[in-house]
All heavy atoms as atom14 arrays in JSON, in Angstrom:
{
  "sequence": "RKKAPSKEGKLGVEGMQLAVLQKALEQAGVTPQ",
  "atom14_mask": [
    [1, 1, 1, 1, 1, 1, 1, 1, 1, 1, 1, 0, 0, 0],
    [1, 1, 1, 1, 1, 1, 1, 1, 1, 0, 0, 0, 0, 0],
    [1, 1, 1, 1, 1, 1, 1, 1, 1, 0, 0, 0, 0, 0],
    [1, 1, 1, 1, 1, 0, 0, 0, 0, 0, 0, 0, 0, 0],
    [1, 1, 1, 1, 1, 1, 1, 0, 0, 0, 0, 0, 0, 0],
    [1, 1, 1, 1, 1, 1, 0, 0, 0, 0, 0, 0, 0, 0],
    [1, 1, 1, 1, 1, 1, 1, 1, 1, 0, 0, 0, 0, 0],
    [1, 1, 1, 1, 1, 1, 1, 1, 1, 0, 0, 0, 0, 0],
    [1, 1, 1, 1, 0, 0, 0, 0, 0, 0, 0, 0, 0, 0],
    [1, 1, 1, 1, 1, 1, 1, 1, 1, 0, 0, 0, 0, 0],
    [1, 1, 1, 1, 1, 1, 1, 1, 0, 0, 0, 0, 0, 0],
    [1, 1, 1, 1, 0, 0, 0, 0, 0, 0, 0, 0, 0, 0],
    [1, 1, 1, 1, 1, 1, 1, 0, 0, 0, 0, 0, 0, 0],
    [1, 1, 1, 1, 1, 1, 1, 1, 1, 0, 0, 0, 0, 0],
    [1, 1, 1, 1, 0, 0, 0, 0, 0, 0, 0, 0, 0, 0],
    [1, 1, 1, 1, 1, 1, 1, 1, 0, 0, 0, 0, 0, 0],
    [1, 1, 1, 1, 1, 1, 1, 1, 1, 0, 0, 0, 0, 0],
    [1, 1, 1, 1, 1, 1, 1, 1, 0, 0, 0, 0, 0, 0],
    [1, 1, 1, 1, 1, 0, 0, 0, 0, 0, 0, 0, 0, 0],
    [1, 1, 1, 1, 1, 1, 1, 0, 0, 0, 0, 0, 0, 0],
    [1, 1, 1, 1, 1, 1, 1, 1, 0, 0, 0, 0, 0, 0],
    [1, 1, 1, 1, 1, 1, 1, 1, 1, 0, 0, 0, 0, 0],
    [1, 1, 1, 1, 1, 1, 1, 1, 1, 0, 0, 0, 0, 0],
    [1, 1, 1, 1, 1, 0, 0, 0, 0, 0, 0, 0, 0, 0],
    [1, 1, 1, 1, 1, 1, 1, 1, 0, 0, 0, 0, 0, 0],
    [1, 1, 1, 1, 1, 1, 1, 1, 1, 0, 0, 0, 0, 0],
    [1, 1, 1, 1, 1, 1, 1, 1, 1, 0, 0, 0, 0, 0],
    [1, 1, 1, 1, 1, 0, 0, 0, 0, 0, 0, 0, 0, 0],
    [1, 1, 1, 1, 0, 0, 0, 0, 0, 0, 0, 0, 0, 0],
    [1, 1, 1, 1, 1, 1, 1, 0, 0, 0, 0, 0, 0, 0],
    [1, 1, 1, 1, 1, 1, 1, 0, 0, 0, 0, 0, 0, 0],
    [1, 1, 1, 1, 1, 1, 1, 0, 0, 0, 0, 0, 0, 0],
    [1, 1, 1, 1, 1, 1, 1, 1, 1, 0, 0, 0, 0, 0]
  ],
  "atom14_positions": [
    [[-4.72, -0.18, 13.57], [-4.6, -1.19, 14.64], [-3.4, -0.96, 15.55], [-3.28, -1.57, 16.6], [-4.55, -2.6, 14.04], [-3.28, -2.9, 13.32], [-3.18, -4.35, 12.83], [-1.92, -4.54, 12.16], [-0.79, -4.86, 12.76], [-0.75, -5.05, 14.06], [0.33, -4.99, 12.07], [0.0, 0.0, 0.0], [0.0, 0.0, 0.0], [0.0, 0.0, 0.0]],
    [[-2.49, -0.09, 15.14], [-1.26, 0.14, 15.9], [-1.4, 1.35, 16.82], [-2.09, 2.31, 16.52], [-0.08, 0.36, 14.95], [0.25, -0.87, 14.12], [1.44, -0.61, 13.23], [1.79, -1.86, 12.42], [2.88, -1.61, 11.48], [0.0, 0.0, 0.0], [0.0, 0.0, 0.0], [0.0, 0.0, 0.0], [0.0, 0.0, 0.0], [0.0, 0.0, 0.0]],
    [[-0.71, 1.28, 17.96], [-0.74, 2.39, 18.92], [0.18, 3.52, 18.49], [-0.07, 4.68, 18.8], [-0.31, 1.89, 20.3], [-1.3, 0.95, 20.93], [-0.85, 0.51, 22.3], [-1.85, -0.47, 22.88], [-1.44, -0.97, 24.18], [0.0, 0.0, 0.0], [0.0, 0.0, 0.0], [0.0, 0.0, 0.0], [0.0, 0.0, 0.0], [0.0, 0.0, 0.0]],
    [[1.26, 3.19, 17.79], [2.24, 4.19, 17.36], [2.64, 3.91, 15.92], [2.53, 2.78, 15.44], [3.46, 4.14, 18.27], [0.0, 0.0, 0.0], [0.0, 0.0, 0.0], [0.0, 0.0, 0.0], [0.0, 0.0, 0.0], [0.0, 0.0, 0.0], [0.0, 0.0, 0.0], [0.0, 0.0, 0.0], [0.0, 0.0, 0.0], [0.0, 0.0, 0.0]],
    [[3.14, 4.93, 15.23], [3.62, 4.7, 13.86], [4.85, 3.8, 13.85], [5.49, 3.58, 14.87], [3.96, 6.1, 13.36], [3.86, 7.02, 14.5], [3.26, 6.31, 15.65], [0.0, 0.0, 0.0], [0.0, 0.0, 0.0], [0.0, 0.0, 0.0], [0.0, 0.0, 0.0], [0.0, 0.0, 0.0], [0.0, 0.0, 0.0], [0.0, 0.0, 0.0]],
    [[5.18, 3.29, 12.68], [6.37, 2.45, 12.53], [7.62, 3.28, 12.82], [7.56, 4.51, 12.94], [6.45, 1.88, 11.11], [6.71, 2.92, 10.19], [0.0, 0.0, 0.0], [0.0, 0.0, 0.0], [0.0, 0.0, 0.0], [0.0, 0.0, 0.0], [0.0, 0.0, 0.0], [0.0, 0.0, 0.0], [0.0, 0.0, 0.0], [0.0, 0.0, 0.0]],
    [[8.75, 2.62, 12.9], [10.02, 3.29, 13.2], [10.29, 4.45, 12.24], [10.74, 5.51, 12.65], [11.15, 2.26, 13.13], [12.5, 2.77, 13.57], [13.52, 1.65, 13.56], [14.88, 2.15, 14.0], [15.87, 1.07, 13.99], [0.0, 0.0, 0.0], [0.0, 0.0, 0.0], [0.0, 0.0, 0.0], [0.0, 0.0, 0.0], [0.0, 0.0, 0.0]],
    [[9.99, 4.24, 10.96], [10.22, 5.3, 9.96], [9.0, 6.2, 9.79], [9.06, 7.16, 9.03], [10.62, 4.67, 8.63], [11.96, 3.96, 8.69], [12.38, 3.34, 7.37], [12.04, 3.9, 6.31], [13.04, 2.29, 7.41], [0.0, 0.0, 0.0], [0.0, 0.0, 0.0], [0.0, 0.0, 0.0], [0.0, 0.0, 0.0], [0.0, 0.0, 0.0]],
    [[7.89, 5.87, 10.46], [6.69, 6.71, 10.39], [5.89, 6.58, 9.11], [5.03, 7.41, 8.83], [0.0, 0.0, 0.0], [0.0, 0.0, 0.0], [0.0, 0.0, 0.0], [0.0, 0.0, 0.0], [0.0, 0.0, 0.0], [0.0, 0.0, 0.0], [0.0, 0.0, 0.0], [0.0, 0.0, 0.0], [0.0, 0.0, 0.0], [0.0, 0.0, 0.0]],
    [[6.15, 5.53, 8.32], [5.47, 5.35, 7.04], [4.37, 4.3, 7.15], [4.49, 3.34, 7.91], [6.46, 4.89, 5.97], [7.57, 5.86, 5.7], [8.56, 5.26, 4.7], [9.76, 6.15, 4.5], [10.73, 5.53, 3.6], [0.0, 0.0, 0.0], [0.0, 0.0, 0.0], [0.0, 0.0, 0.0], [0.0, 0.0, 0.0], [0.0, 0.0, 0.0]],
    [[3.32, 4.49, 6.38], [2.29, 3.48, 6.28], [2.82, 2.29, 5.48], [3.56, 2.47, 4.52], [1.05, 4.02, 5.56], [0.21, 5.05, 6.31], [-0.91, 5.56, 5.4], [-0.37, 4.48, 7.58], [0.0, 0.0, 0.0], [0.0, 0.0, 0.0], [0.0, 0.0, 0.0], [0.0, 0.0, 0.0], [0.0, 0.0, 0.0], [0.0, 0.0, 0.0]],
    [[2.41, 1.1, 5.89], [2.77, -0.09, 5.14], [1.64, -0.48, 4.2], [0.67, 0.26, 4.03], [0.0, 0.0, 0.0], [0.0, 0.0, 0.0], [0.0, 0.0, 0.0], [0.0, 0.0, 0.0], [0.0, 0.0, 0.0], [0.0, 0.0, 0.0], [0.0, 0.0, 0.0], [0.0, 0.0, 0.0], [0.0, 0.0, 0.0], [0.0, 0.0, 0.0]],
    [[1.76, -1.65, 3.6], [0.74, -2.13, 2.67], [-0.63, -2.14, 3.34], [-1.62, -1.71, 2.75], [1.11, -3.54, 2.15], [-0.03, -4.16, 1.37], [2.36, -3.46, 1.28], [0.0, 0.0, 0.0], [0.0, 0.0, 0.0], [0.0, 0.0, 0.0], [0.0, 0.0, 0.0], [0.0, 0.0, 0.0], [0.0, 0.0, 0.0], [0.0, 0.0, 0.0]],
    [[-0.69, -2.59, 4.58], [-1.99, -2.68, 5.26], [-2.64, -1.32, 5.47], [-3.85, -1.23, 5.59], [-1.86, -3.39, 6.6], [-1.2, -2.56, 7.68], [-1.22, -3.2, 9.05], [-2.23, -3.05, 9.76], [-0.22, -3.85, 9.4], [0.0, 0.0, 0.0], [0.0, 0.0, 0.0], [0.0, 0.0, 0.0], [0.0, 0.0, 0.0], [0.0, 0.0, 0.0]],
    [[-1.87, -0.25, 5.49], [-2.4, 1.09, 5.7], [-2.78, 1.83, 4.43], [-3.34, 2.92, 4.48], [0.0, 0.0, 0.0], [0.0, 0.0, 0.0], [0.0, 0.0, 0.0], [0.0, 0.0, 0.0], [0.0, 0.0, 0.0], [0.0, 0.0, 0.0], [0.0, 0.0, 0.0], [0.0, 0.0, 0.0], [0.0, 0.0, 0.0], [0.0, 0.0, 0.0]],
    [[-2.49, 1.26, 3.29], [-2.77, 1.91, 2.0], [-4.24, 1.76, 1.62], [-4.88, 0.76, 1.93], [-1.93, 1.29, 0.88], [-0.46, 1.54, 0.98], [-0.05, 3.25, 0.63], [1.1, 3.56, 1.96], [0.0, 0.0, 0.0], [0.0, 0.0, 0.0], [0.0, 0.0, 0.0], [0.0, 0.0, 0.0], [0.0, 0.0, 0.0], [0.0, 0.0, 0.0]],
    [[-4.74, 2.75, 0.91], [-6.08, 2.64, 0.35], [-6.02, 1.67, -0.83], [-4.99, 1.54, -1.49], [-6.57, 4.01, -0.13], [-6.78, 4.99, 1.0], [-7.24, 6.35, 0.48], [-7.34, 6.59, -0.72], [-7.52, 7.25, 1.4], [0.0, 0.0, 0.0], [0.0, 0.0, 0.0], [0.0, 0.0, 0.0], [0.0, 0.0, 0.0], [0.0, 0.0, 0.0]],
    [[-7.12, 1.0, -1.09], [-7.15, 0.01, -2.17], [-6.8, 0.63, -3.52], [-6.13, 0.0, -4.34], [-8.51, -0.68, -2.23], [-8.84, -1.57, -1.03], [-10.24, -2.16, -1.18], [-7.8, -2.67, -0.84], [0.0, 0.0, 0.0], [0.0, 0.0, 0.0], [0.0, 0.0, 0.0], [0.0, 0.0, 0.0], [0.0, 0.0, 0.0], [0.0, 0.0, 0.0]],
    [[-7.22, 1.86, -3.76], [-6.9, 2.53, -5.03], [-5.4, 2.71, -5.19], [-4.86, 2.59, -6.29], [-7.62, 3.87, -5.11], [0.0, 0.0, 0.0], [0.0, 0.0, 0.0], [0.0, 0.0, 0.0], [0.0, 0.0, 0.0], [0.0, 0.0, 0.0], [0.0, 0.0, 0.0], [0.0, 0.0, 0.0], [0.0, 0.0, 0.0], [0.0, 0.0, 0.0]],
    [[-4.7, 2.99, -4.09], [-3.25, 3.16, -4.14], [-2.59, 1.82, -4.45], [-1.65, 1.75, -5.25], [-2.72, 3.74, -2.8], [-1.21, 3.75, -2.76], [-3.28, 5.14, -2.57], [0.0, 0.0, 0.0], [0.0, 0.0, 0.0], [0.0, 0.0, 0.0], [0.0, 0.0, 0.0], [0.0, 0.0, 0.0], [0.0, 0.0, 0.0], [0.0, 0.0, 0.0]],
    [[-3.08, 0.75, -3.84], [-2.53, -0.59, -4.11], [-2.78, -0.99, -5.56], [-1.9, -1.55, -6.22], [-3.12, -1.61, -3.15], [-2.75, -1.45, -1.68], [-3.5, -2.45, -0.81], [-1.24, -1.6, -1.48], [0.0, 0.0, 0.0], [0.0, 0.0, 0.0], [0.0, 0.0, 0.0], [0.0, 0.0, 0.0], [0.0, 0.0, 0.0], [0.0, 0.0, 0.0]],
    [[-3.96, -0.7, -6.06], [-4.28, -1.03, -7.46], [-3.35, -0.27, -8.4], [-2.83, -0.84, -9.36], [-5.73, -0.72, -7.78], [-6.11, -1.11, -9.2], [-7.59, -0.99, -9.45], [-8.39, -0.78, -8.55], [-7.98, -1.14, -10.71], [0.0, 0.0, 0.0], [0.0, 0.0, 0.0], [0.0, 0.0, 0.0], [0.0, 0.0, 0.0], [0.0, 0.0, 0.0]],
    [[-3.11, 0.99, -8.12], [-2.22, 1.8, -8.96], [-0.79, 1.24, -8.91], [-0.11, 1.16, -9.94], [-2.23, 3.25, -8.5], [-1.38, 4.16, -9.36], [-1.49, 5.6, -8.92], [-0.61, 6.48, -9.8], [-0.61, 7.87, -9.36], [0.0, 0.0, 0.0], [0.0, 0.0, 0.0], [0.0, 0.0, 0.0], [0.0, 0.0, 0.0], [0.0, 0.0, 0.0]],
    [[-0.35, 0.8, -7.72], [1.0, 0.22, -7.59], [1.12, -1.04, -8.44], [2.14, -1.26, -9.11], [1.3, -0.09, -6.13], [0.0, 0.0, 0.0], [0.0, 0.0, 0.0], [0.0, 0.0, 0.0], [0.0, 0.0, 0.0], [0.0, 0.0, 0.0], [0.0, 0.0, 0.0], [0.0, 0.0, 0.0], [0.0, 0.0, 0.0], [0.0, 0.0, 0.0]],
    [[0.08, -1.86, -8.45], [0.1, -3.09, -9.27], [0.1, -2.75, -10.75], [0.84, -3.35, -11.53], [-1.1, -3.98, -8.91], [-1.06, -4.61, -7.52], [-2.4, -5.27, -7.2], [0.07, -5.6, -7.4], [0.0, 0.0, 0.0], [0.0, 0.0, 0.0], [0.0, 0.0, 0.0], [0.0, 0.0, 0.0], [0.0, 0.0, 0.0], [0.0, 0.0, 0.0]],
    [[-0.71, -1.78, -11.13], [-0.76, -1.38, -12.55], [0.58, -0.81, -13.01], [1.05, -1.09, -14.11], [-1.88, -0.37, -12.76], [-3.26, -0.98, -12.64], [-4.39, 0.04, -12.58], [-4.11, 1.27, -12.55], [-5.56, -0.39, -12.55], [0.0, 0.0, 0.0], [0.0, 0.0, 0.0], [0.0, 0.0, 0.0], [0.0, 0.0, 0.0], [0.0, 0.0, 0.0]],
    [[1.22, 0.0, -12.16], [2.52, 0.59, -12.51], [3.6, -0.48, -12.62], [4.59, -0.29, -13.32], [2.92, 1.65, -11.49], [2.11, 2.9, -11.6], [2.43, 3.92, -10.52], [2.86, 3.58, -9.43], [2.23, 5.18, -10.84], [0.0, 0.0, 0.0], [0.0, 0.0, 0.0], [0.0, 0.0, 0.0], [0.0, 0.0, 0.0], [0.0, 0.0, 0.0]],
    [[3.41, -1.61, -11.94], [4.37, -2.7, -12.01], [4.19, -3.51, -13.3], [4.96, -4.42, -13.58], [4.22, -3.62, -10.8], [0.0, 0.0, 0.0], [0.0, 0.0, 0.0], [0.0, 0.0, 0.0], [0.0, 0.0, 0.0], [0.0, 0.0, 0.0], [0.0, 0.0, 0.0], [0.0, 0.0, 0.0], [0.0, 0.0, 0.0], [0.0, 0.0, 0.0]],
    [[3.16, -3.18, -14.07], [2.93, -3.89, -15.32], [2.02, -5.1, -15.16], [1.9, -5.92, -16.06], [0.0, 0.0, 0.0], [0.0, 0.0, 0.0], [0.0, 0.0, 0.0], [0.0, 0.0, 0.0], [0.0, 0.0, 0.0], [0.0, 0.0, 0.0], [0.0, 0.0, 0.0], [0.0, 0.0, 0.0], [0.0, 0.0, 0.0], [0.0, 0.0, 0.0]],
    [[1.36, -5.18, -14.03], [0.45, -6.29, -13.77], [-0.93, -5.91, -14.28], [-1.44, -4.84, -13.97], [0.39, -6.59, -12.25], [-0.61, -7.69, -11.97], [1.76, -6.96, -11.74], [0.0, 0.0, 0.0], [0.0, 0.0, 0.0], [0.0, 0.0, 0.0], [0.0, 0.0, 0.0], [0.0, 0.0, 0.0], [0.0, 0.0, 0.0], [0.0, 0.0, 0.0]],
    [[-1.49, -6.76, -15.07], [-2.84, -6.51, -15.58], [-3.73, -7.66, -15.18], [-3.28, -8.79, -15.02], [-2.84, -6.37, -17.12], [-2.22, -7.53, -17.68], [-2.07, -5.14, -17.56], [0.0, 0.0, 0.0], [0.0, 0.0, 0.0], [0.0, 0.0, 0.0], [0.0, 0.0, 0.0], [0.0, 0.0, 0.0], [0.0, 0.0, 0.0], [0.0, 0.0, 0.0]],
    [[-5.01, -7.37, -15.01], [-5.93, -8.45, -14.64], [-5.93, -9.56, -15.69], [-5.78, -9.31, -16.88], [-7.29, -7.76, -14.59], [-6.99, -6.32, -14.42], [-5.67, -6.09, -15.09], [0.0, 0.0, 0.0], [0.0, 0.0, 0.0], [0.0, 0.0, 0.0], [0.0, 0.0, 0.0], [0.0, 0.0, 0.0], [0.0, 0.0, 0.0], [0.0, 0.0, 0.0]],
    [[-6.08, -10.76, -15.2], [-6.1, -11.93, -16.09], [-7.38, -11.9, -16.91], [-8.46, -11.68, -16.38], [-6.04, -13.2, -15.24], [-5.92, -14.47, -16.02], [-5.78, -15.68, -15.09], [-6.01, -15.6, -13.91], [-5.4, -16.79, -15.66], [0.0, 0.0, 0.0], [0.0, 0.0, 0.0], [0.0, 0.0, 0.0], [0.0, 0.0, 0.0], [0.0, 0.0, 0.0]]
  ]
}
């Protein structure tokens, strides 16, 4: 949705694939209820 990358050129949460977000949650020790 953005015309240019962020100041640091990194993707934010909105730019991540769902599998990457799921892995980040799992690595944080969060498990499904």
